[in-house]
Amino acid sequence: MDLGKIFGKGFSNLGEGEQYIELDTAEAEASSGKVPIRVDKLEDFADTDKVQKFLRDGSVVIVKIKGLKNKDITELKRAIDKLRKTCIALSGDIALIDEDWIILTPSFAHVARD
């Protein structure tokens, strides 16, 4: 069988006795390819430190802000500003999902806004 006709010139160099190409899968097995997604809540301004750590570790973080919003709107604004600056520093993204949830992503992901 002439593989060059099917797959192009690169495969025509395979000999007749070679039916397969062995691939190194060690690196593929080491990385699972899964993205960690964390769900957390902001009850206090101090909770932003935990969310920042998750974000810096490469997790997508979905945060419930209702508790802090009901408690103190000024603290909520400070907390979101702090998290927004962290996202900017990490080349990540931040978006409001609805009035009670926000999502923060590291640099390898972004929020599609349509």
PDB file of N, CA and C in Angstrom:
ATOM      1  N   MET A   1       0.844  -1.174   0.000  1.00  0.00           N
ATOM      2  CA  MET A   1       0.000   0.000   0.000  1.00  0.00           C
ATOM      3  C   MET A   1       0.888   1.235   0.000  1.00  0.00           C
ATOM      4  N   ASP A   2       0.577   2.176  -0.855  1.00  0.00           N
ATOM      5  CA  ASP A   2       1.358   3.401  -0.940  1.00  0.00           C
ATOM      6  C   ASP A   2       0.702   4.469  -0.064  1.00  0.00           C
ATOM      7  N   LEU A   3       1.278   4.705   1.124  1.00  0.00           N
ATOM      8  CA  LEU A   3       0.717   5.699   2.055  1.00  0.00           C
ATOM      9  C   LEU A   3       0.881   7.115   1.534  1.00  0.00           C
ATOM     10  N   GLY A   4       1.830   7.324   0.627  1.00  0.00           N
ATOM     11  CA  GLY A   4       2.039   8.645   0.047  1.00  0.00           C
ATOM     12  C   GLY A   4       0.821   9.134  -0.706  1.00  0.00           C
ATOM     13  N   LYS A   5       0.091   8.234  -1.341  1.00  0.00           N
ATOM     14  CA  LYS A   5      -1.117   8.624  -2.074  1.00  0.00           C
ATOM     15  C   LYS A   5      -2.225   9.064  -1.126  1.00  0.00           C
ATOM     16  N   ILE A   6      -2.270   8.447   0.038  1.00  0.00           N
ATOM     17  CA  ILE A   6      -3.344   8.748   0.981  1.00  0.00           C
ATOM     18  C   ILE A   6      -3.003   9.949   1.861  1.00  0.00           C
ATOM     19  N   PHE A   7      -1.793   9.939   2.459  1.00  0.00           N
ATOM     20  CA  PHE A   7      -1.441  10.941   3.465  1.00  0.00           C
ATOM     21  C   PHE A   7      -0.452  11.998   2.994  1.00  0.00           C
ATOM     22  N   GLY A   8       0.092  11.885   1.822  1.00  0.00           N
ATOM     23  CA  GLY A   8       1.043  12.872   1.338  1.00  0.00           C
ATOM     24  C   GLY A   8       2.449  12.326   1.301  1.00  0.00           C
ATOM     25  N   LYS A   9       3.399  13.192   0.918  1.00  0.00           N
ATOM     26  CA  LYS A   9       4.783  12.787   0.684  1.00  0.00           C
ATOM     27  C   LYS A   9       5.491  12.246   1.917  1.00  0.00           C
ATOM     28  N   GLY A  10       5.219  12.759   3.094  1.00  0.00           N
ATOM     29  CA  GLY A  10       5.921  12.352   4.309  1.00  0.00           C
ATOM     30  C   GLY A  10       5.743  10.885   4.639  1.00  0.00           C
ATOM     31  N   PHE A  11       4.613  10.322   4.282  1.00  0.00           N
ATOM     32  CA  PHE A  11       4.349   8.922   4.593  1.00  0.00           C
ATOM     33  C   PHE A  11       4.843   7.969   3.509  1.00  0.00           C
ATOM     34  N   SER A  12       5.205   8.480   2.363  1.00  0.00           N
ATOM     35  CA  SER A  12       5.667   7.597   1.301  1.00  0.00           C
ATOM     36  C   SER A  12       7.055   7.043   1.601  1.00  0.00           C
ATOM     37  N   ASN A  13       7.764   7.640   2.568  1.00  0.00           N
ATOM     38  CA  ASN A  13       9.102   7.179   2.932  1.00  0.00           C
ATOM     39  C   ASN A  13       9.077   5.952   3.830  1.00  0.00           C
ATOM     40  N   LEU A  14       7.936   5.574   4.351  1.00  0.00           N
ATOM     41  CA  LEU A  14       7.846   4.393   5.203  1.00  0.00           C
ATOM     42  C   LEU A  14       8.054   3.151   4.350  1.00  0.00           C
ATOM     43  N   GLY A  15       8.826   2.243   4.855  1.00  0.00           N
ATOM     44  CA  GLY A  15       9.087   1.008   4.121  1.00  0.00           C
ATOM     45  C   GLY A  15       7.871   0.103   4.126  1.00  0.00           C
ATOM     46  N   GLU A  16       7.896  -0.898   3.262  1.00  0.00           N
ATOM     47  CA  GLU A  16       6.778  -1.826   3.163  1.00  0.00           C
ATOM     48  C   GLU A  16       6.591  -2.623   4.445  1.00  0.00           C
ATOM     49  N   GLY A  17       7.684  -2.911   5.170  1.00  0.00           N
ATOM     50  CA  GLY A  17       7.586  -3.705   6.382  1.00  0.00           C
ATOM     51  C   GLY A  17       7.090  -2.918   7.584  1.00  0.00           C
ATOM     52  N   GLU A  18       7.127  -1.609   7.518  1.00  0.00           N
ATOM     53  CA  GLU A  18       6.717  -0.768   8.641  1.00  0.00           C
ATOM     54  C   GLU A  18       5.228  -0.461   8.526  1.00  0.00           C
ATOM     55  N   GLN A  19       4.451  -0.971   9.447  1.00  0.00           N
ATOM     56  CA  GLN A  19       3.012  -0.770   9.417  1.00  0.00           C
ATOM     57  C   GLN A  19       2.542   0.288  10.421  1.00  0.00           C
ATOM     58  N   TYR A  20       3.417   0.710  11.313  1.00  0.00           N
ATOM     59  CA  TYR A  20       3.027   1.693  12.305  1.00  0.00           C
ATOM     60  C   TYR A  20       4.236   2.538  12.689  1.00  0.00           C
ATOM     61  N   ILE A  21       3.963   3.666  13.340  1.00  0.00           N
ATOM     62  CA  ILE A  21       5.002   4.552  13.855  1.00  0.00           C
ATOM     63  C   ILE A  21       4.837   4.583  15.360  1.00  0.00           C
ATOM     64  N   GLU A  22       5.900   4.320  16.093  1.00  0.00           N
ATOM     65  CA  GLU A  22       5.822   4.322  17.550  1.00  0.00           C
ATOM     66  C   GLU A  22       5.960   5.750  18.056  1.00  0.00           C
ATOM     67  N   LEU A  23       5.059   6.136  18.936  1.00  0.00           N
ATOM     68  CA  LEU A  23       5.053   7.474  19.507  1.00  0.00           C
ATOM     69  C   LEU A  23       5.421   7.406  20.978  1.00  0.00           C
ATOM     70  N   ASP A  24       6.099   8.445  21.453  1.00  0.00           N
ATOM     71  CA  ASP A  24       6.453   8.525  22.866  1.00  0.00           C
ATOM     72  C   ASP A  24       5.271   9.117  23.612  1.00  0.00           C
ATOM     73  N   THR A  25       4.643   8.326  24.469  1.00  0.00           N
ATOM     74  CA  THR A  25       3.455   8.784  25.195  1.00  0.00           C
ATOM     75  C   THR A  25       3.737   9.118  26.652  1.00  0.00           C
ATOM     76  N   ALA A  26       4.981   9.119  27.068  1.00  0.00           N
ATOM     77  CA  ALA A  26       5.313   9.382  28.472  1.00  0.00           C
ATOM     78  C   ALA A  26       4.864  10.775  28.889  1.00  0.00           C
ATOM     79  N   GLU A  27       5.090  11.760  28.031  1.00  0.00           N
ATOM     80  CA  GLU A  27       4.719  13.126  28.379  1.00  0.00           C
ATOM     81  C   GLU A  27       3.195  13.294  28.396  1.00  0.00           C
ATOM     82  N   ALA A  28       2.503  12.646  27.507  1.00  0.00           N
ATOM     83  CA  ALA A  28       1.047  12.750  27.462  1.00  0.00           C
ATOM     84  C   ALA A  28       0.407  12.122  28.699  1.00  0.00           C
ATOM     85  N   GLU A  29       0.990  11.061  29.218  1.00  0.00           N
ATOM     86  CA  GLU A  29       0.443  10.417  30.402  1.00  0.00           C
ATOM     87  C   GLU A  29       0.715  11.230  31.662  1.00  0.00           C
ATOM     88  N   ALA A  30       1.804  11.998  31.687  1.00  0.00           N
ATOM     89  CA  ALA A  30       2.151  12.782  32.870  1.00  0.00           C
ATOM     90  C   ALA A  30       1.169  13.937  33.072  1.00  0.00           C
ATOM     91  N   SER A  31       0.716  14.543  31.998  1.00  0.00           N
ATOM     92  CA  SER A  31      -0.216  15.651  32.076  1.00  0.00           C
ATOM     93  C   SER A  31      -1.618  15.144  31.758  1.00  0.00           C
ATOM     94  N   SER A  32      -2.534  15.338  32.679  1.00  0.00           N
ATOM     95  CA  SER A  32      -3.882  14.817  32.469  1.00  0.00           C
ATOM     96  C   SER A  32      -4.695  15.696  31.528  1.00  0.00           C
ATOM     97  N   GLY A  33      -4.286  16.963  31.340  1.00  0.00           N
ATOM     98  CA  GLY A  33      -5.017  17.854  30.461  1.00  0.00           C
ATOM     99  C   GLY A  33      -6.272  18.427  31.090  1.00  0.00           C
ATOM    100  N   LYS A  34      -6.511  18.146  32.332  1.00  0.00           N
ATOM    101  CA  LYS A  34      -7.708  18.639  32.999  1.00  0.00           C
ATOM    102  C   LYS A  34      -7.422  19.982  33.656  1.00  0.00           C
ATOM    103  N   VAL A  35      -8.394  20.860  33.606  1.00  0.00           N
ATOM    104  CA  VAL A  35      -8.275  22.182  34.204  1.00  0.00           C
ATOM    105  C   VAL A  35      -9.045  22.175  35.522  1.00  0.00           C
ATOM    106  N   PRO A  36      -8.375  22.495  36.630  1.00  0.00           N
ATOM    107  CA  PRO A  36      -9.100  22.532  37.907  1.00  0.00           C
ATOM    108  C   PRO A  36     -10.048  23.732  37.959  1.00  0.00           C
ATOM    109  N   ILE A  37     -11.249  23.476  38.408  1.00  0.00           N
ATOM    110  CA  ILE A  37     -12.246  24.532  38.577  1.00  0.00           C
ATOM    111  C   ILE A  37     -12.646  24.540  40.047  1.00  0.00           C
ATOM    112  N   ARG A  38     -12.478  25.681  40.681  1.00  0.00           N
ATOM    113  CA  ARG A  38     -12.806  25.821  42.106  1.00  0.00           C
ATOM    114  C   ARG A  38     -14.058  26.678  42.248  1.00  0.00           C
ATOM    115  N   VAL A  39     -14.873  26.337  43.209  1.00  0.00           N
ATOM    116  CA  VAL A  39     -16.045  27.138  43.560  1.00  0.00           C
ATOM    117  C   VAL A  39     -15.822  27.612  44.989  1.00  0.00           C
ATOM    118  N   ASP A  40     -15.919  28.917  45.186  1.00  0.00           N
ATOM    119  CA  ASP A  40     -15.661  29.491  46.506  1.00  0.00           C
ATOM    120  C   ASP A  40     -16.663  30.619  46.741  1.00  0.00           C
ATOM    121  N   LYS A  41     -16.599  31.197  47.931  1.00  0.00           N
ATOM    122  CA  LYS A  41     -17.492  32.305  48.238  1.00  0.00           C
ATOM    123  C   LYS A  41     -16.725  33.407  48.956  1.00  0.00           C
ATOM    124  N   LEU A  42     -17.216  34.621  48.789  1.00  0.00           N
ATOM    125  CA  LEU A  42     -16.653  35.776  49.491  1.00  0.00           C
ATOM    126  C   LEU A  42     -17.630  36.165  50.594  1.00  0.00           C
ATOM    127  N   GLU A  43     -17.252  35.861  51.814  1.00  0.00           N
ATOM    128  CA  GLU A  43     -18.041  36.283  52.969  1.00  0.00           C
ATOM    129  C   GLU A  43     -17.395  37.484  53.652  1.00  0.00           C
ATOM    130  N   ASP A  44     -16.093  37.659  53.391  1.00  0.00           N
ATOM    131  CA  ASP A  44     -15.309  38.703  54.029  1.00  0.00           C
ATOM    132  C   ASP A  44     -14.205  39.115  53.066  1.00  0.00           C
ATOM    133  N   PHE A  45     -13.636  40.298  53.244  1.00  0.00           N
ATOM    134  CA  PHE A  45     -12.546  40.758  52.379  1.00  0.00           C
ATOM    135  C   PHE A  45     -11.351  39.814  52.446  1.00  0.00           C
ATOM    136  N   ALA A  46     -11.107  39.214  53.586  1.00  0.00           N
ATOM    137  CA  ALA A  46      -9.969  38.307  53.760  1.00  0.00           C
ATOM    138  C   ALA A  46     -10.081  37.057  52.882  1.00  0.00           C
ATOM    139  N   ASP A  47     -11.281  36.716  52.448  1.00  0.00           N
ATOM    140  CA  ASP A  47     -11.468  35.554  51.580  1.00  0.00           C
ATOM    141  C   ASP A  47     -10.824  35.741  50.215  1.00  0.00           C
ATOM    142  N   THR A  48     -10.490  36.981  49.856  1.00  0.00           N
ATOM    143  CA  THR A  48      -9.859  37.224  48.553  1.00  0.00           C
ATOM    144  C   THR A  48      -8.478  36.566  48.469  1.00  0.00           C
ATOM    145  N   ASP A  49      -7.802  36.422  49.603  1.00  0.00           N
ATOM    146  CA  ASP A  49      -6.476  35.788  49.584  1.00  0.00           C
ATOM    147  C   ASP A  49      -6.554  34.340  49.112  1.00  0.00           C
ATOM    148  N   LYS A  50      -7.565  33.629  49.557  1.00  0.00           N
ATOM    149  CA  LYS A  50      -7.747  32.231  49.161  1.00  0.00           C
ATOM    150  C   LYS A  50      -8.080  32.140  47.666  1.00  0.00           C
ATOM    151  N   VAL A  51      -8.934  33.033  47.193  1.00  0.00           N
ATOM    152  CA  VAL A  51      -9.302  33.049  45.777  1.00  0.00           C
ATOM    153  C   VAL A  51      -8.077  33.383  44.926  1.00  0.00           C
ATOM    154  N   GLN A  52      -7.268  34.335  45.373  1.00  0.00           N
ATOM    155  CA  GLN A  52      -6.044  34.681  44.646  1.00  0.00           C
ATOM    156  C   GLN A  52      -5.097  33.485  44.556  1.00  0.00           C
ATOM    157  N   LYS A  53      -4.967  32.734  45.634  1.00  0.00           N
ATOM    158  CA  LYS A  53      -4.086  31.565  45.636  1.00  0.00           C
ATOM    159  C   LYS A  53      -4.562  30.536  44.623  1.00  0.00           C
ATOM    160  N   PHE A  54      -5.865  30.264  44.589  1.00  0.00           N
ATOM    161  CA  PHE A  54      -6.414  29.323  43.612  1.00  0.00           C
ATOM    162  C   PHE A  54      -6.114  29.788  42.189  1.00  0.00           C
ATOM    163  N   LEU A  55      -6.284  31.074  41.941  1.00  0.00           N
ATOM    164  CA  LEU A  55      -6.044  31.636  40.617  1.00  0.00           C
ATOM    165  C   LEU A  55      -4.577  31.540  40.233  1.00  0.00           C
ATOM    166  N   ARG A  56      -3.697  31.855  41.163  1.00  0.00           N
ATOM    167  CA  ARG A  56      -2.250  31.764  40.892  1.00  0.00           C
ATOM    168  C   ARG A  56      -1.796  30.328  40.669  1.00  0.00           C
ATOM    169  N   ASP A  57      -2.512  29.371  41.270  1.00  0.00           N
ATOM    170  CA  ASP A  57      -2.190  27.953  41.074  1.00  0.00           C
ATOM    171  C   ASP A  57      -2.712  27.413  39.745  1.00  0.00           C
ATOM    172  N   GLY A  58      -3.413  28.254  38.980  1.00  0.00           N
ATOM    173  CA  GLY A  58      -3.879  27.847  37.658  1.00  0.00           C
ATOM    174  C   GLY A  58      -5.297  27.338  37.601  1.00  0.00           C
ATOM    175  N   SER A  59      -6.086  27.583  38.623  1.00  0.00           N
ATOM    176  CA  SER A  59      -7.474  27.131  38.635  1.00  0.00           C
ATOM    177  C   SER A  59      -8.399  28.208  38.079  1.00  0.00           C
ATOM    178  N   VAL A  60      -9.457  27.758  37.444  1.00  0.00           N
ATOM    179  CA  VAL A  60     -10.574  28.645  37.124  1.00  0.00           C
ATOM    180  C   VAL A  60     -11.402  28.712  38.408  1.00  0.00           C
ATOM    181  N   VAL A  61     -11.760  29.921  38.832  1.00  0.00           N
ATOM    182  CA  VAL A  61     -12.458  30.082  40.110  1.00  0.00           C
ATOM    183  C   VAL A  61     -13.817  30.744  39.866  1.00  0.00           C
ATOM    184  N   ILE A  62     -14.846  30.086  40.350  1.00  0.00           N
ATOM    185  CA  ILE A  62     -16.202  30.636  40.316  1.00  0.00           C
ATOM    186  C   ILE A  62     -16.525  31.035  41.754  1.00  0.00           C
ATOM    187  N   VAL A  63     -16.852  32.311  41.945  1.00  0.00           N
ATOM    188  CA  VAL A  63     -16.990  32.860  43.298  1.00  0.00           C
ATOM    189  C   VAL A  63     -18.400  33.404  43.518  1.00  0.00           C
ATOM    190  N   LYS A  64     -19.006  32.973  44.615  1.00  0.00           N
ATOM    191  CA  LYS A  64     -20.299  33.511  45.022  1.00  0.00           C
ATOM    192  C   LYS A  64     -20.048  34.756  45.859  1.00  0.00           C
ATOM    193  N   ILE A  65     -20.583  35.888  45.425  1.00  0.00           N
ATOM    194  CA  ILE A  65     -20.319  37.163  46.100  1.00  0.00           C
ATOM    195  C   ILE A  65     -21.518  37.655  46.906  1.00  0.00           C
ATOM    196  N   LYS A  66     -22.578  36.895  46.934  1.00  0.00           N
ATOM    197  CA  LYS A  66     -23.828  37.337  47.582  1.00  0.00           C
ATOM    198  C   LYS A  66     -23.639  37.657  49.066  1.00  0.00           C
ATOM    199  N   GLY A  67     -22.878  36.828  49.779  1.00  0.00           N
ATOM    200  CA  GLY A  67     -22.687  37.045  51.209  1.00  0.00           C
ATOM    201  C   GLY A  67     -22.052  38.385  51.521  1.00  0.00           C
ATOM    202  N   LEU A  68     -20.975  38.720  50.801  1.00  0.00           N
ATOM    203  CA  LEU A  68     -20.291  39.997  51.032  1.00  0.00           C
ATOM    204  C   LEU A  68     -21.123  41.157  50.499  1.00  0.00           C
ATOM    205  N   LYS A  69     -21.867  40.934  49.430  1.00  0.00           N
ATOM    206  CA  LYS A  69     -22.723  41.988  48.868  1.00  0.00           C
ATOM    207  C   LYS A  69     -23.810  42.378  49.866  1.00  0.00           C
ATOM    208  N   ASN A  70     -24.387  41.391  50.528  1.00  0.00           N
ATOM    209  CA  ASN A  70     -25.430  41.677  51.518  1.00  0.00           C
ATOM    210  C   ASN A  70     -24.853  42.283  52.794  1.00  0.00           C
ATOM    211  N   LYS A  71     -23.596  41.963  53.095  1.00  0.00           N
ATOM    212  CA  LYS A  71     -22.952  42.423  54.325  1.00  0.00           C
ATOM    213  C   LYS A  71     -22.431  43.851  54.188  1.00  0.00           C
ATOM    214  N   ASP A  72     -21.621  44.112  53.142  1.00  0.00           N
ATOM    215  CA  ASP A  72     -20.991  45.431  52.992  1.00  0.00           C
ATOM    216  C   ASP A  72     -20.595  45.625  51.529  1.00  0.00           C
ATOM    217  N   ILE A  73     -21.320  46.475  50.832  1.00  0.00           N
ATOM    218  CA  ILE A  73     -21.072  46.698  49.403  1.00  0.00           C
ATOM    219  C   ILE A  73     -19.718  47.349  49.143  1.00  0.00           C
ATOM    220  N   THR A  74     -19.245  48.181  50.078  1.00  0.00           N
ATOM    221  CA  THR A  74     -17.946  48.826  49.930  1.00  0.00           C
ATOM    222  C   THR A  74     -16.820  47.783  49.982  1.00  0.00           C
ATOM    223  N   GLU A  75     -16.926  46.843  50.905  1.00  0.00           N
ATOM    224  CA  GLU A  75     -15.935  45.759  51.000  1.00  0.00           C
ATOM    225  C   GLU A  75     -15.984  44.888  49.744  1.00  0.00           C
ATOM    226  N   LEU A  76     -17.170  44.683  49.208  1.00  0.00           N
ATOM    227  CA  LEU A  76     -17.297  43.908  47.975  1.00  0.00           C
ATOM    228  C   LEU A  76     -16.564  44.602  46.830  1.00  0.00           C
ATOM    229  N   LYS A  77     -16.730  45.900  46.705  1.00  0.00           N
ATOM    230  CA  LYS A  77     -16.034  46.653  45.656  1.00  0.00           C
ATOM    231  C   LYS A  77     -14.527  46.552  45.822  1.00  0.00           C
ATOM    232  N   ARG A  78     -14.047  46.650  47.057  1.00  0.00           N
ATOM    233  CA  ARG A  78     -12.602  46.501  47.315  1.00  0.00           C
ATOM    234  C   ARG A  78     -12.116  45.110  46.943  1.00  0.00           C
ATOM    235  N   ALA A  79     -12.903  44.098  47.316  1.00  0.00           N
ATOM    236  CA  ALA A  79     -12.522  42.708  47.040  1.00  0.00           C
ATOM    237  C   ALA A  79     -12.471  42.437  45.537  1.00  0.00           C
ATOM    238  N   ILE A  80     -13.473  42.903  44.815  1.00  0.00           N
ATOM    239  CA  ILE A  80     -13.497  42.679  43.363  1.00  0.00           C
ATOM    240  C   ILE A  80     -12.377  43.444  42.688  1.00  0.00           C
ATOM    241  N   ASP A  81     -12.082  44.643  43.163  1.00  0.00           N
ATOM    242  CA  ASP A  81     -10.967  45.411  42.597  1.00  0.00           C
ATOM    243  C   ASP A  81      -9.639  44.689  42.819  1.00  0.00           C
ATOM    244  N   LYS A  82      -9.452  44.120  44.002  1.00  0.00           N
ATOM    245  CA  LYS A  82      -8.235  43.366  44.299  1.00  0.00           C
ATOM    246  C   LYS A  82      -8.123  42.143  43.386  1.00  0.00           C
ATOM    247  N   LEU A  83      -9.227  41.418  43.212  1.00  0.00           N
ATOM    248  CA  LEU A  83      -9.222  40.240  42.349  1.00  0.00           C
ATOM    249  C   LEU A  83      -9.036  40.627  40.878  1.00  0.00           C
ATOM    250  N   ARG A  84      -9.595  41.739  40.482  1.00  0.00           N
ATOM    251  CA  ARG A  84      -9.434  42.219  39.107  1.00  0.00           C
ATOM    252  C   ARG A  84      -7.970  42.545  38.824  1.00  0.00           C
ATOM    253  N   LYS A  85      -7.307  43.198  39.769  1.00  0.00           N
ATOM    254  CA  LYS A  85      -5.885  43.523  39.604  1.00  0.00           C
ATOM    255  C   LYS A  85      -5.031  42.258  39.532  1.00  0.00           C
ATOM    256  N   THR A  86      -5.401  41.239  40.295  1.00  0.00           N
ATOM    257  CA  THR A  86      -4.687  39.968  40.233  1.00  0.00           C
ATOM    258  C   THR A  86      -4.860  39.335  38.855  1.00  0.00           C
ATOM    259  N   CYS A  87      -6.065  39.366  38.325  1.00  0.00           N
ATOM    260  CA  CYS A  87      -6.320  38.825  36.986  1.00  0.00           C
ATOM    261  C   CYS A  87      -5.508  39.566  35.931  1.00  0.00           C
ATOM    262  N   ILE A  88      -5.446  40.871  36.035  1.00  0.00           N
ATOM    263  CA  ILE A  88      -4.665  41.662  35.082  1.00  0.00           C
ATOM    264  C   ILE A  88      -3.189  41.298  35.178  1.00  0.00           C
ATOM    265  N   ALA A  89      -2.678  41.157  36.384  1.00  0.00           N
ATOM    266  CA  ALA A  89      -1.267  40.812  36.571  1.00  0.00           C
ATOM    267  C   ALA A  89      -0.937  39.426  36.015  1.00  0.00           C
ATOM    268  N   LEU A  90      -1.900  38.511  36.069  1.00  0.00           N
ATOM    269  CA  LEU A  90      -1.687  37.151  35.581  1.00  0.00           C
ATOM    270  C   LEU A  90      -2.120  36.981  34.122  1.00  0.00           C
ATOM    271  N   SER A  91      -2.536  38.063  33.483  1.00  0.00           N
ATOM    272  CA  SER A  91      -3.080  38.032  32.117  1.00  0.00           C
ATOM    273  C   SER A  91      -4.310  37.132  32.036  1.00  0.00           C
ATOM    274  N   GLY A  92      -5.066  37.125  33.093  1.00  0.00           N
ATOM    275  CA  GLY A  92      -6.282  36.318  33.152  1.00  0.00           C
ATOM    276  C   GLY A  92      -7.502  37.138  32.788  1.00  0.00           C
ATOM    277  N   ASP A  93      -8.655  36.662  33.214  1.00  0.00           N
ATOM    278  CA  ASP A  93      -9.912  37.323  32.885  1.00  0.00           C
ATOM    279  C   ASP A  93     -10.856  37.231  34.078  1.00  0.00           C
ATOM    280  N   ILE A  94     -11.753  38.191  34.181  1.00  0.00           N
ATOM    281  CA  ILE A  94     -12.761  38.211  35.236  1.00  0.00           C
ATOM    282  C   ILE A  94     -14.068  38.684  34.613  1.00  0.00           C
ATOM    283  N   ALA A  95     -15.166  38.062  35.019  1.00  0.00           N
ATOM    284  CA  ALA A  95     -16.469  38.469  34.485  1.00  0.00           C
ATOM    285  C   ALA A  95     -17.557  38.169  35.509  1.00  0.00           C
ATOM    286  N   LEU A  96     -18.610  38.951  35.435  1.00  0.00           N
ATOM    287  CA  LEU A  96     -19.788  38.746  36.269  1.00  0.00           C
ATOM    288  C   LEU A  96     -20.693  37.738  35.573  1.00  0.00           C
ATOM    289  N   ILE A  97     -21.041  36.660  36.262  1.00  0.00           N
ATOM    290  CA  ILE A  97     -21.921  35.647  35.682  1.00  0.00           C
ATOM    291  C   ILE A  97     -23.367  36.103  35.831  1.00  0.00           C
ATOM    292  N   ASP A  98     -23.771  36.417  37.038  1.00  0.00           N
ATOM    293  CA  ASP A  98     -25.038  37.098  37.302  1.00  0.00           C
ATOM    294  C   ASP A  98     -24.785  37.977  38.518  1.00  0.00           C
ATOM    295  N   GLU A  99     -25.792  38.501  39.112  1.00  0.00           N
ATOM    296  CA  GLU A  99     -25.557  39.470  40.183  1.00  0.00           C
ATOM    297  C   GLU A  99     -24.950  38.868  41.447  1.00  0.00           C
ATOM    298  N   ASP A 100     -24.898  37.537  41.549  1.00  0.00           N
ATOM    299  CA  ASP A 100     -24.352  36.901  42.743  1.00  0.00           C
ATOM    300  C   ASP A 100     -23.101  36.063  42.501  1.00  0.00           C
ATOM    301  N   TRP A 101     -22.614  35.958  41.262  1.00  0.00           N
ATOM    302  CA  TRP A 101     -21.472  35.103  40.935  1.00  0.00           C
ATOM    303  C   TRP A 101     -20.512  35.816  39.992  1.00  0.00           C
ATOM    304  N   ILE A 102     -19.198  35.593  40.203  1.00  0.00           N
ATOM    305  CA  ILE A 102     -18.178  36.039  39.259  1.00  0.00           C
ATOM    306  C   ILE A 102     -17.303  34.842  38.897  1.00  0.00           C
ATOM    307  N   ILE A 103     -16.632  34.935  37.765  1.00  0.00           N
ATOM    308  CA  ILE A 103     -15.700  33.895  37.342  1.00  0.00           C
ATOM    309  C   ILE A 103     -14.357  34.547  37.060  1.00  0.00           C
ATOM    310  N   LEU A 104     -13.295  33.882  37.523  1.00  0.00           N
ATOM    311  CA  LEU A 104     -11.934  34.357  37.303  1.00  0.00           C
ATOM    312  C   LEU A 104     -11.170  33.243  36.592  1.00  0.00           C
ATOM    313  N   THR A 105     -10.407  33.605  35.560  1.00  0.00           N
ATOM    314  CA  THR A 105      -9.660  32.603  34.817  1.00  0.00           C
ATOM    315  C   THR A 105      -8.189  32.987  34.753  1.00  0.00           C
ATOM    316  N   PRO A 106      -7.298  31.983  34.752  1.00  0.00           N
ATOM    317  CA  PRO A 106      -5.874  32.261  34.557  1.00  0.00           C
ATOM    318  C   PRO A 106      -5.592  32.593  33.091  1.00  0.00           C
ATOM    319  N   SER A 107      -4.333  32.773  32.763  1.00  0.00           N
ATOM    320  CA  SER A 107      -3.957  33.269  31.435  1.00  0.00           C
ATOM    321  C   SER A 107      -4.315  32.337  30.291  1.00  0.00           C
ATOM    322  N   PHE A 108      -4.429  31.045  30.518  1.00  0.00           N
ATOM    323  CA  PHE A 108      -4.690  30.115  29.431  1.00  0.00           C
ATOM    324  C   PHE A 108      -6.164  30.019  29.052  1.00  0.00           C
ATOM    325  N   ALA A 109      -7.029  30.751  29.748  1.00  0.00           N
ATOM    326  CA  ALA A 109      -8.459  30.717  29.453  1.00  0.00           C
ATOM    327  C   ALA A 109      -9.004  32.130  29.431  1.00  0.00           C
ATOM    328  N   HIS A 110     -10.111  32.313  28.755  1.00  0.00           N
ATOM    329  CA  HIS A 110     -10.782  33.615  28.782  1.00  0.00           C
ATOM    330  C   HIS A 110     -12.289  33.391  28.776  1.00  0.00           C
ATOM    331  N   VAL A 111     -13.016  34.406  29.165  1.00  0.00           N
ATOM    332  CA  VAL A 111     -14.469  34.344  29.201  1.00  0.00           C
ATOM    333  C   VAL A 111     -14.975  34.906  27.877  1.00  0.00           C
ATOM    334  N   ALA A 112     -15.726  34.107  27.137  1.00  0.00           N
ATOM    335  CA  ALA A 112     -16.301  34.564  25.865  1.00  0.00           C
ATOM    336  C   ALA A 112     -17.523  35.418  26.167  1.00  0.00           C
ATOM    337  N   ARG A 113     -17.487  36.617  25.698  1.00  0.00           N
ATOM    338  CA  ARG A 113     -18.593  37.545  25.938  1.00  0.00           C
ATOM    339  C   ARG A 113     -19.342  37.746  24.631  1.00  0.00           C
ATOM    340  N   ASP A 114     -20.584  37.307  24.588  1.00  0.00           N
ATOM    341  CA  ASP A 114     -21.382  37.453  23.355  1.00  0.00           C
ATOM    342  C   ASP A 114     -22.533  38.399  23.554  1.00  0.00           C
TER     343      ASP A 114
END
